[in-house]
Protein backbone atom coordinates (compact mmCIF):
# COMPACT_ATOMS: atom_id res chain seq x y z
CA MET A 1 -28.15 -19.85 14.77
CA GLY A 2 -26.55 -23.39 13.74
CA HIS A 3 -23.81 -24.29 11.38
CA CYS A 4 -23.13 -26.99 9.72
CA VAL A 5 -19.43 -27.14 7.76
CA SER A 6 -18.19 -28.90 5.78
CA VAL A 7 -14.14 -29.31 5.72
CA SER A 8 -12.26 -30.97 2.64
CA ASP A 9 -8.52 -30.48 2.98
CA MET A 10 -8.50 -28.94 6.19
CA GLN A 11 -9.51 -32.15 7.91
CA ASN A 12 -5.37 -32.86 8.57
CA ILE A 13 -5.08 -29.82 10.03
CA TYR A 14 -7.99 -29.05 12.45
CA ASN A 15 -8.91 -31.43 15.21
CA VAL A 16 -12.85 -32.37 14.25
CA GLN A 17 -13.33 -32.54 18.58
CA ARG A 18 -11.97 -28.84 18.73
CA TRP A 19 -14.55 -26.54 16.89
CA ASN A 20 -17.04 -25.39 19.66
CA GLY A 21 -20.97 -25.31 18.73
CA ILE A 22 -20.29 -26.25 14.92
CA THR A 23 -20.65 -29.45 13.06
CA ILE A 24 -18.15 -30.35 10.99
CA TYR A 25 -18.43 -32.81 8.05
CA PRO A 26 -14.99 -33.64 6.80
CA MET A 27 -14.91 -35.21 3.15
CA ASN A 28 -13.69 -38.62 2.43
CA SER A 29 -9.35 -38.79 2.15
CA VAL A 30 -8.92 -39.30 -1.86
CA GLU A 31 -6.03 -40.42 -4.10
CA GLY A 32 -4.62 -37.95 -6.39
CA ALA A 33 -6.43 -35.05 -4.63
CA THR A 34 -4.86 -33.00 -8.16
CA GLY A 35 -7.11 -34.69 -10.48
CA GLY A 36 -10.48 -34.64 -12.07
CA ASN A 37 -12.27 -37.02 -9.83
CA PHE A 38 -11.37 -35.85 -6.25
CA TYR A 39 -13.89 -32.82 -7.36
CA ILE A 40 -16.56 -35.21 -8.02
CA SER A 41 -15.85 -37.61 -4.74
CA GLU A 42 -15.71 -33.89 -3.17
CA MET A 43 -19.13 -33.32 -3.99
CA ARG A 44 -20.78 -36.35 -3.63
CA GLN A 45 -19.24 -36.50 0.20
CA PHE A 46 -20.97 -32.73 0.57
CA ILE A 47 -24.08 -33.89 -0.88
CA ALA A 48 -24.36 -36.63 1.46
CA ASN A 49 -23.44 -34.22 4.51
CA LEU A 50 -26.00 -31.90 3.05
CA LYS A 51 -29.04 -34.14 3.38
CA ASP A 52 -27.35 -34.79 6.81
CA SER A 53 -27.17 -31.20 8.09
CA SER A 54 -30.26 -28.71 9.11
CA ALA A 55 -28.97 -26.17 6.40
CA GLU A 56 -31.78 -24.14 4.96
CA VAL A 57 -29.55 -21.64 2.71
CA VAL A 58 -26.30 -23.04 0.79
CA ILE A 59 -23.91 -20.28 -0.29
CA ILE A 60 -21.44 -21.54 -3.17
CA VAL A 61 -18.32 -19.05 -3.05
CA TYR A 62 -15.92 -20.22 -6.34
CA PRO A 63 -16.49 -20.58 -9.95
CA THR A 64 -18.00 -23.03 -12.07
CA TYR A 65 -15.72 -25.49 -13.60
CA ASP A 66 -16.27 -27.96 -16.30
CA ASN A 67 -15.36 -31.32 -14.18
CA VAL A 68 -17.74 -30.14 -11.71
CA ILE A 69 -21.15 -30.21 -11.85
CA VAL A 70 -22.13 -28.30 -8.66
CA SER A 71 -25.32 -26.52 -8.89
CA ASN A 72 -27.48 -29.37 -10.34
CA ARG A 73 -26.84 -31.17 -7.87
CA LEU A 74 -27.35 -28.93 -4.94
CA HIS A 75 -30.43 -27.25 -6.40
CA GLU A 76 -32.14 -30.84 -6.05
CA VAL A 77 -31.19 -31.18 -2.41
CA LEU A 78 -31.56 -27.74 -1.16
CA LYS A 79 -33.90 -25.66 -3.20
CA LYS A 80 -32.54 -21.91 -1.78
CA THR A 81 -29.00 -21.86 -2.98
CA ILE A 82 -27.22 -18.95 -3.61
CA TRP A 83 -24.08 -18.05 -6.03
CA TYR A 84 -21.58 -16.08 -4.26
CA TYR A 85 -19.88 -15.99 -7.87
CA PRO A 86 -16.59 -15.42 -8.73
CA VAL A 87 -15.98 -13.88 -12.15
CA ASP A 88 -12.23 -14.31 -13.05
CA GLY A 89 -12.17 -12.94 -16.59
CA ALA A 90 -14.21 -12.31 -19.64
CA ASN A 91 -16.85 -13.98 -21.91
CA ILE A 92 -17.80 -16.74 -19.22
CA SER A 93 -18.76 -19.87 -20.99
CA ALA A 94 -21.83 -21.36 -21.93
CA SER A 95 -21.59 -24.12 -19.47
CA ALA A 96 -21.14 -21.84 -16.91
CA PHE A 97 -24.51 -19.72 -17.40
CA LYS A 98 -26.38 -22.99 -17.66
CA GLU A 99 -25.02 -24.11 -13.99
CA LEU A 100 -25.86 -20.50 -12.73
CA GLU A 101 -29.64 -20.10 -13.90
CA LYS A 102 -30.14 -23.45 -11.71
CA VAL A 103 -29.54 -21.87 -8.40
CA SER A 104 -31.89 -19.21 -6.70
CA LYS A 105 -29.20 -15.96 -6.85
CA VAL A 106 -26.09 -15.50 -8.09
CA VAL A 107 -24.85 -12.41 -6.46
CA PRO A 108 -21.66 -11.03 -7.95
CA MET A 109 -18.49 -10.12 -6.32
CA THR A 110 -17.75 -7.23 -8.05
CA LYS A 111 -19.11 -4.39 -10.97
CA ASP A 112 -17.36 -5.65 -13.35
CA GLY A 113 -18.64 -9.49 -12.07
CA LYS A 114 -22.01 -8.05 -12.57
CA ARG A 115 -21.56 -6.82 -16.60
CA GLU A 116 -19.99 -9.94 -17.47
CA LEU A 117 -23.08 -11.81 -15.96
CA GLU A 118 -25.27 -10.18 -17.67
CA LYS A 119 -24.56 -10.12 -21.05
CA SER A 120 -25.91 -13.85 -21.69
CA GLY A 121 -28.92 -11.84 -21.04
CA LYS A 122 -30.64 -15.07 -19.98
CA LEU A 123 -29.82 -14.42 -16.19
CA ARG A 124 -33.21 -13.32 -14.45
CA ASN A 125 -31.72 -14.38 -10.76
CA ILE A 126 -28.36 -11.80 -10.65
CA THR A 127 -28.77 -9.25 -7.75
CA ARG A 128 -26.63 -6.48 -6.89
CA GLU A 129 -22.69 -7.04 -6.30
CA ILE A 130 -21.36 -7.23 -2.37
CA TYR A 131 -17.61 -6.67 -2.09
CA HIS A 132 -15.38 -8.76 0.21
CA GLY A 133 -15.44 -7.47 3.25
CA PHE A 134 -12.11 -7.15 5.69
CA ASP A 135 -12.51 -7.56 9.89
CA GLU A 136 -10.93 -4.26 10.88
CA ASN A 137 -9.90 -5.86 14.11
CA ILE A 138 -7.70 -7.80 11.96
CA PHE A 139 -6.23 -5.50 9.13
CA TYR A 140 -5.27 -2.34 10.69
CA LYS A 141 -2.43 0.19 10.45
CA ILE A 142 0.27 -0.28 12.82
CA GLY A 143 2.18 2.41 14.40
CA ASN A 144 2.67 5.32 12.02
CA GLY A 145 1.58 2.73 9.17
CA LYS A 146 4.73 3.50 7.04
CA GLY A 147 6.61 0.07 8.45
CA ASP A 148 9.84 2.51 9.50
CA GLY A 149 9.51 0.57 12.94
CA LYS A 150 8.70 4.27 14.45
CA GLY A 151 6.49 5.45 16.94
CA ASP A 152 2.86 7.39 16.04
CA GLY A 153 4.43 10.23 16.94
CA LYS A 154 2.39 10.76 19.39
CA SER A 155 2.91 7.69 22.24
CA GLY A 156 6.29 8.46 21.82
CA GLU A 157 6.81 4.22 21.94
CA ASP A 158 8.27 2.68 18.64
CA SER A 159 5.91 0.50 17.30
CA ASP A 160 8.38 -2.08 16.61
CA LEU A 161 6.72 -4.27 19.51
CA GLU A 162 3.25 -4.05 17.46
CA TYR A 163 4.68 -6.47 15.09
CA HIS A 164 4.99 -8.88 17.32
CA TYR A 165 2.25 -10.92 18.99
CA CYS A 166 1.23 -14.46 20.43
CA LYS A 167 0.06 -16.82 17.75
CA TRP A 168 -2.44 -18.59 20.36
CA SER A 169 -4.30 -15.03 20.04
CA THR A 170 -5.09 -16.10 16.22
CA ASP A 171 -8.00 -18.13 15.16
CA LYS A 172 -5.41 -20.01 12.96
CA HIS A 173 -3.95 -21.38 15.97
CA GLN A 174 -6.02 -21.67 18.21
CA LEU A 175 -8.34 -24.34 16.19
CA THR A 176 -5.06 -26.82 16.24
CA GLN A 177 -5.32 -26.93 20.28
CA ASP A 178 -7.68 -27.98 22.74
CA PRO A 179 -9.63 -25.44 23.93
CA LYS A 180 -9.80 -26.39 27.33
CA VAL A 181 -6.37 -25.51 27.35
CA LEU A 182 -6.32 -22.24 25.96
CA CYS A 183 -9.09 -21.55 28.32
CA LYS A 184 -7.14 -21.89 30.83
CA ARG A 185 -4.38 -20.21 30.11
CA GLY A 186 -6.57 -17.24 28.80
CA CYS A 187 -5.80 -17.43 25.70
CA PHE A 188 -9.33 -16.11 24.27
CA ARG A 189 -9.20 -13.17 26.20
CA CYS A 190 -5.74 -12.05 25.37
CA MET A 191 -4.98 -9.67 22.38
CA GLY A 192 -1.43 -11.34 22.35
CA LYS A 193 0.58 -8.58 23.66
CA LEU A 194 1.36 -9.76 27.38
CA VAL A 195 4.94 -10.85 26.40
CA GLY A 196 5.69 -11.49 29.74
CA CYS A 197 3.16 -14.57 29.35
CA GLU A 198 4.57 -17.74 30.25
CA HIS A 199 3.02 -19.23 27.09
CA PHE A 200 3.85 -16.84 24.94
CA GLU A 201 4.98 -17.54 21.99
CA GLU A 202 5.56 -15.80 18.27
CA GLU A 203 3.92 -17.19 15.09
CA ASN A 204 6.97 -18.81 13.10
CA ILE A 205 7.76 -18.37 9.18
CA THR A 206 9.65 -19.33 6.46
CA ALA A 207 11.94 -16.86 4.71
CA ASN A 208 13.86 -17.86 1.62
CA LEU A 209 16.41 -14.89 -0.09
CA ARG A 210 18.23 -16.12 -3.05
CA GLY A 211 17.83 -20.01 -2.42
CA GLU A 212 18.63 -20.12 1.11
CA THR A 213 16.51 -20.54 3.36
CA TYR A 214 15.87 -19.52 7.27
CA LYS A 215 13.44 -19.55 10.15
CA GLY A 216 12.37 -17.12 12.29
CA VAL A 217 8.91 -15.02 13.57
CA VAL A 218 5.99 -13.01 11.88
CA GLY A 219 7.19 -10.01 13.75
CA ASN A 220 10.71 -9.11 12.22
CA LEU A 221 9.04 -8.58 8.95
CA GLY A 222 8.63 -4.93 10.01
CA LEU A 223 12.37 -4.67 10.33
CA LEU A 224 12.41 -5.43 6.63
CA LYS A 225 13.65 -1.65 5.20
CA LYS A 226 16.26 -1.51 8.76
CA GLN A 227 18.29 -4.79 7.76
CA PHE A 228 17.84 -4.30 3.97
CA GLY A 229 18.70 -0.75 4.01
CA VAL A 230 16.01 -0.77 0.94
CA GLU A 231 13.35 2.30 0.40
CA CYS A 232 10.62 0.84 -0.88
CA VAL A 233 8.76 -2.31 -0.30
CA PHE A 234 6.46 -3.64 -3.00
CA GLY A 235 4.56 -7.05 -1.47
CA PHE A 236 2.50 -9.67 -3.15
CA THR A 237 0.63 -12.68 -2.01
CA GLY A 238 -1.03 -15.20 -3.88
CA GLU A 239 -0.63 -18.88 -4.37
CA ASN A 240 1.82 -20.24 -6.47
CA ALA A 241 -0.90 -23.01 -7.61
CA SER A 242 -1.55 -21.86 -11.51
CA ASP A 243 -0.49 -19.17 -13.91
CA ARG A 244 -3.59 -17.34 -13.18
CA LYS A 245 -1.59 -14.73 -11.01
CA LYS A 246 1.03 -14.35 -13.42
CA ILE A 247 3.88 -14.33 -11.30
CA ASP A 248 6.19 -15.15 -14.31
CA ARG A 249 4.88 -11.19 -15.07
CA LEU A 250 5.55 -9.52 -11.90
CA LEU A 251 9.06 -10.77 -11.97
CA CYS A 252 9.53 -9.45 -15.22
CA SER A 253 7.89 -6.31 -14.20
CA TYR A 254 10.75 -6.26 -11.40
CA GLY A 255 13.23 -6.64 -13.59
CA MET A 256 12.96 -3.93 -15.97
CA LEU A 257 12.72 -1.90 -12.92
CA CYS A 258 15.81 -3.09 -11.52
CA LYS A 259 17.21 -3.27 -14.90
CA SER A 260 15.90 0.98 -15.98
CA ASP A 261 18.64 2.01 -13.18
CA SER A 262 20.93 0.44 -10.45
CA ARG A 263 19.63 2.19 -8.17
CA TYR A 264 16.20 0.39 -7.99
CA LYS A 265 18.08 -2.96 -7.30
CA LYS A 266 19.75 -1.73 -4.38
CA GLU A 267 16.90 0.37 -2.53
CA THR A 268 13.98 -1.55 -3.39
CA MET A 269 12.53 -4.76 -2.14
CA LEU A 270 10.07 -7.60 -3.83
CA LEU A 271 8.08 -8.98 -0.70
CA MET A 272 6.37 -12.41 -2.14
CA HIS A 273 3.92 -14.42 0.07
CA THR A 274 4.01 -17.29 -2.11
CA MET A 275 6.42 -20.80 -2.11
CA PRO A 276 8.91 -20.14 -5.30
CA VAL A 277 8.51 -23.91 -6.01
CA SER A 278 5.08 -25.30 -6.98
CA ASN A 279 4.43 -28.95 -8.08
CA SER A 280 0.78 -27.02 -9.65
CA GLY A 281 2.33 -23.73 -10.14
CA LEU A 282 5.65 -22.20 -11.41
CA ASN A 283 9.37 -22.71 -10.36
CA LEU A 284 9.98 -19.13 -9.55
CA TRP A 285 13.68 -19.40 -9.83
CA ASP A 286 14.01 -20.40 -13.22
CA TYR A 287 12.02 -16.65 -13.80
CA ILE A 288 14.39 -15.03 -11.08
CA LYS A 289 17.39 -16.26 -13.60
CA LYS A 290 15.61 -15.40 -17.04
CA TYR A 291 15.20 -11.94 -15.90
CA ASP A 292 18.60 -10.98 -14.58
CA LEU A 293 17.86 -10.83 -10.71
CA ILE A 294 20.19 -12.79 -9.08
CA GLY A 295 21.00 -11.05 -6.21
CA ALA A 296 18.53 -8.49 -5.74
CA ASN A 297 15.89 -8.05 -3.00
CA ILE A 298 13.52 -10.80 -3.42
CA LEU A 299 12.26 -12.53 -0.44
CA PHE A 300 9.67 -15.32 -0.33
CA VAL A 301 7.84 -15.70 2.91
CA TYR A 302 5.45 -18.20 3.53
CA GLY A 303 3.98 -20.07 7.06
CA GLU A 304 5.10 -23.72 8.61
CA ASP A 305 3.79 -27.41 7.86
CA GLU A 306 1.26 -26.85 10.88
CA LEU A 307 -0.91 -25.22 9.03
CA GLY A 308 -0.04 -26.02 5.69
CA ASN A 309 2.20 -23.51 4.92
CA SER A 310 -0.72 -20.48 5.17
CA TRP A 311 -0.36 -17.77 7.61
CA SER A 312 -3.33 -16.23 10.00
CA ASP A 313 -4.72 -12.90 9.16
CA ARG A 314 -3.09 -11.01 11.77
CA ALA A 315 0.77 -12.07 10.05
CA LEU A 316 -1.08 -11.37 7.04
CA ASN A 317 -1.82 -7.58 8.68
CA VAL A 318 2.03 -7.62 9.82
CA MET A 319 2.98 -7.93 6.29
CA TYR A 320 1.13 -5.71 4.22
CA ASN A 321 2.09 -3.31 7.01
CA SER A 322 5.76 -4.16 5.99
CA ILE A 323 5.46 -2.72 2.55
CA ASP A 324 4.86 0.16 1.06
CA VAL A 325 3.46 -0.61 -2.57
CA ASN A 326 0.68 -3.54 -3.35
CA VAL A 327 1.49 -5.54 -6.14
CA SER A 328 -0.41 -7.84 -8.27
CA ALA A 329 0.27 -9.28 -12.56
CA SER A 330 -2.98 -11.32 -12.15
CA GLY A 331 -4.60 -12.16 -15.51
CA ALA A 332 -8.24 -11.85 -13.38
CA GLU A 333 -9.60 -11.58 -10.17
CA GLY A 334 -12.90 -13.17 -9.11
CA PHE A 335 -12.21 -9.98 -6.00
CA GLY A 336 -8.76 -9.82 -5.05
CA LEU A 337 -8.64 -9.92 -1.04
CA PRO A 338 -5.04 -8.74 -1.29
CA THR A 339 -5.84 -5.41 -2.72
CA MET A 340 -8.93 -4.93 -0.09
CA GLU A 341 -6.95 -6.12 2.74
CA SER A 342 -3.93 -3.74 1.91
CA MET A 343 -5.68 -1.15 0.89
CA ALA A 344 -7.37 -1.54 4.43
CA VAL A 345 -3.73 -0.72 6.21
CA GLY A 346 -2.94 2.22 3.69
CA LYS A 347 -1.47 0.55 1.05
CA PRO A 348 -1.65 1.77 -2.27
CA GLN A 349 -1.74 -0.61 -5.29
CA ILE A 350 -0.16 -1.88 -8.74
CA ALA A 351 -2.31 -3.45 -10.90
CA PRO A 352 -3.36 -4.57 -14.70
CA ARG A 353 -6.02 -2.32 -16.02
CA PHE A 354 -8.39 -4.89 -16.35
CA SER A 355 -11.43 -7.13 -14.19
CA SER A 356 -11.77 -6.38 -10.76
CA PHE A 357 -8.79 -4.13 -10.73
CA ILE A 358 -10.17 -1.25 -12.24
CA GLU A 359 -13.09 -0.43 -10.03
CA LEU A 360 -10.59 -2.00 -6.79
CA VAL A 361 -7.79 0.75 -7.45
CA GLY A 362 -10.11 3.38 -8.84
CA ASN A 363 -10.81 4.46 -12.64
CA GLU A 364 -9.23 8.26 -13.17
CA SER A 365 -11.50 8.03 -15.98
CA GLU A 366 -14.54 8.20 -13.59
CA GLY A 367 -13.06 11.07 -11.96
CA GLU A 368 -12.49 8.82 -8.45
CA ASP A 369 -9.18 9.46 -6.06
CA GLY A 370 -6.74 6.91 -7.52
CA ARG A 371 -5.59 4.80 -5.08
CA GLY A 372 -3.00 2.80 -6.96
CA LEU A 373 -1.56 2.67 -10.90
CA LEU A 374 -3.28 0.91 -13.29
CA ALA A 375 -0.75 -0.69 -16.15
CA ASP A 376 -1.02 -1.26 -19.50
CA ILE A 377 -2.27 -5.09 -20.99
CA GLU A 378 -0.74 -5.66 -23.64
CA GLY A 379 -2.62 -9.08 -24.84
CA TYR A 380 -4.92 -11.44 -23.76
CA GLU A 381 -5.07 -15.27 -23.43
CA VAL A 382 -7.94 -17.34 -24.08
CA LEU A 383 -8.85 -20.86 -21.65
CA GLU A 384 -10.16 -23.68 -23.35
CA ASN A 385 -13.68 -22.66 -21.80
CA GLY A 386 -13.49 -19.42 -24.12
CA LEU A 387 -12.68 -17.19 -20.66
CA LYS A 388 -10.52 -14.11 -21.53
CA ARG A 389 -7.31 -13.43 -19.17
CA ALA A 390 -5.33 -10.18 -19.39
CA LEU A 391 -1.75 -10.18 -20.30
CA VAL A 392 0.21 -7.26 -18.19
CA SER A 393 2.45 -5.01 -19.79
CA PRO A 394 6.07 -5.70 -18.13
CA LYS A 395 7.34 -2.78 -19.60
CA SER A 396 4.09 -0.53 -18.11
CA MET A 397 4.12 -2.13 -14.83
CA GLY A 398 7.88 -2.10 -14.17
CA ARG A 399 7.49 2.04 -15.08
CA LEU A 400 4.90 2.37 -12.56
CA MET A 401 6.68 0.56 -10.21
CA GLY A 402 9.60 3.28 -10.60
CA GLU A 403 6.92 6.14 -10.45
CA MET A 404 5.77 5.15 -7.10
CA VAL A 405 9.65 4.57 -5.75
CA ASP A 406 10.67 7.90 -7.07
CA GLY A 407 6.91 9.88 -6.07
CA LYS A 408 6.63 11.03 -9.85
CA GLY A 409 3.11 13.08 -9.83
CA LEU A 410 3.58 14.94 -6.73
CA VAL A 411 -0.15 16.09 -5.27
CA ASP A 412 0.23 18.41 -2.48
CA GLY A 413 3.46 17.99 -1.89
CA LYS A 414 2.79 14.85 -0.91
CA GLY A 415 4.28 11.56 -3.00
CA LEU A 416 2.32 9.28 -4.83
CA VAL A 417 2.53 6.31 -1.99
CA GLU A 418 1.24 8.57 0.81
CA GLU A 419 -1.44 10.04 -0.74
CA MET A 420 -2.37 7.02 -2.75
CA GLY A 421 -2.22 4.89 0.23
CA LYS A 422 -4.45 7.74 2.15
CA ASN A 423 -7.23 7.42 -0.78
CA ALA A 424 -7.12 3.75 -0.37
CA TYR A 425 -7.71 3.49 3.47
CA ASN A 426 -10.20 6.23 3.09
CA TRP A 427 -12.22 4.30 0.84
CA SER A 428 -11.67 0.62 1.98
CA ARG A 429 -14.15 2.45 5.58
CA ALA A 430 -17.14 1.29 3.59
CA TYR A 431 -16.56 -2.28 2.96
CA THR A 432 -16.26 -3.92 6.41
CA TRP A 433 -17.58 -7.04 7.20
CA SER A 434 -20.36 -5.61 9.70
CA ASN A 435 -21.35 -3.66 6.33
CA ILE A 436 -21.18 -6.46 4.29
CA CYS A 437 -22.47 -9.02 6.05
CA SER A 438 -26.29 -6.61 6.45
CA GLU A 439 -26.27 -6.98 2.71
CA PHE A 440 -25.99 -10.42 2.87
CA ASP A 441 -28.68 -10.60 4.82
CA SER A 442 -31.00 -8.90 3.17
CA VAL A 443 -30.03 -11.24 -0.38
CA ILE A 444 -30.29 -14.49 2.68
CA LYS A 445 -34.04 -13.66 3.37
CA SER A 446 -35.13 -12.71 -0.13
CA VAL A 447 -34.94 -16.43 -0.75
């Protein structure tokens, strides 16, 4: 099978010569990459790349934007175009529907997304929803899955070592090096556990606690509870690049939790895989001050410049295993990968009662086994294009955080975290990449 891949801003990270057997078409360098002209220039380059390739099918995986004319250009070049469409809000704009009509198939990512796409009554090319998948070899429970550094009770060994691995065993780091060198070292066959190897090197991270920056390794996240003496770690993963994630509301929610009882400020932590300050997002320090969270256990963690401040998937797995509950205050999600990935390692959720969260976390009204708790919505915001997004109630979300910590609503003698985490893990088993790819295969063959 041939692969033709177009790479944009990653061209300064990945060496084009080191992609084995995959054709790379890097985008042209464009000044002012955050402006609208960047997208137009990028699309022109993509069209040029597509004409030069031998692709039979194009799959688009992002929303429509008012400043990007995407599909009407692509379908002129290649008729077999599939749009794997993330509906990140309610009331899709008329201009978006106009774009979606031009492709062969529109594949919704969620049931909620499909309902929104069907509202127009005009689209005749919608398929059934296909969820995002996860790689069960990357996202899995470490040790006993409790993030306490203890063993599984069977081997008698402490599982701290399971949080540590060699970065040259990860795809993301391997793509930055000459494959011939890695092959000679045996890195492609190694699972990264050979601590005695002379080439063993852990994946580094940057951590920021109360404004102080530290350097360390990803594996140390497995020791958070020991180091800080906390009982419950809430985790958030998301890019601080716009206000859609509503990180300010998440901090407000955590502030309300800490204010409701002083012990929460001492016994809990908010672990945030995001940048505290972003040119295109929020200055989260301002909100930490606003919500009286100075001195609270809020730890920001992110990668190093080598990978553009991002992590490998394996590092994400370590983080998910290091938390007790995954939280999000997002206004809407096209799907919600952190939700699925954290459930794959057995973590319960707290999220707004809106968008894809309802079906991923579990709709109690439909008798589903709860995989988390859904917070109330106190209002909505409407974007210029008419898209509606939710404003979660910080009071409601803060209260649900407290319920998770205290284990209210005991089920068969088990606390909410344990019971809902088990439900989340079991539910996620149906959405491994092997299952998802077989569904996509049938769609591709139908165009």
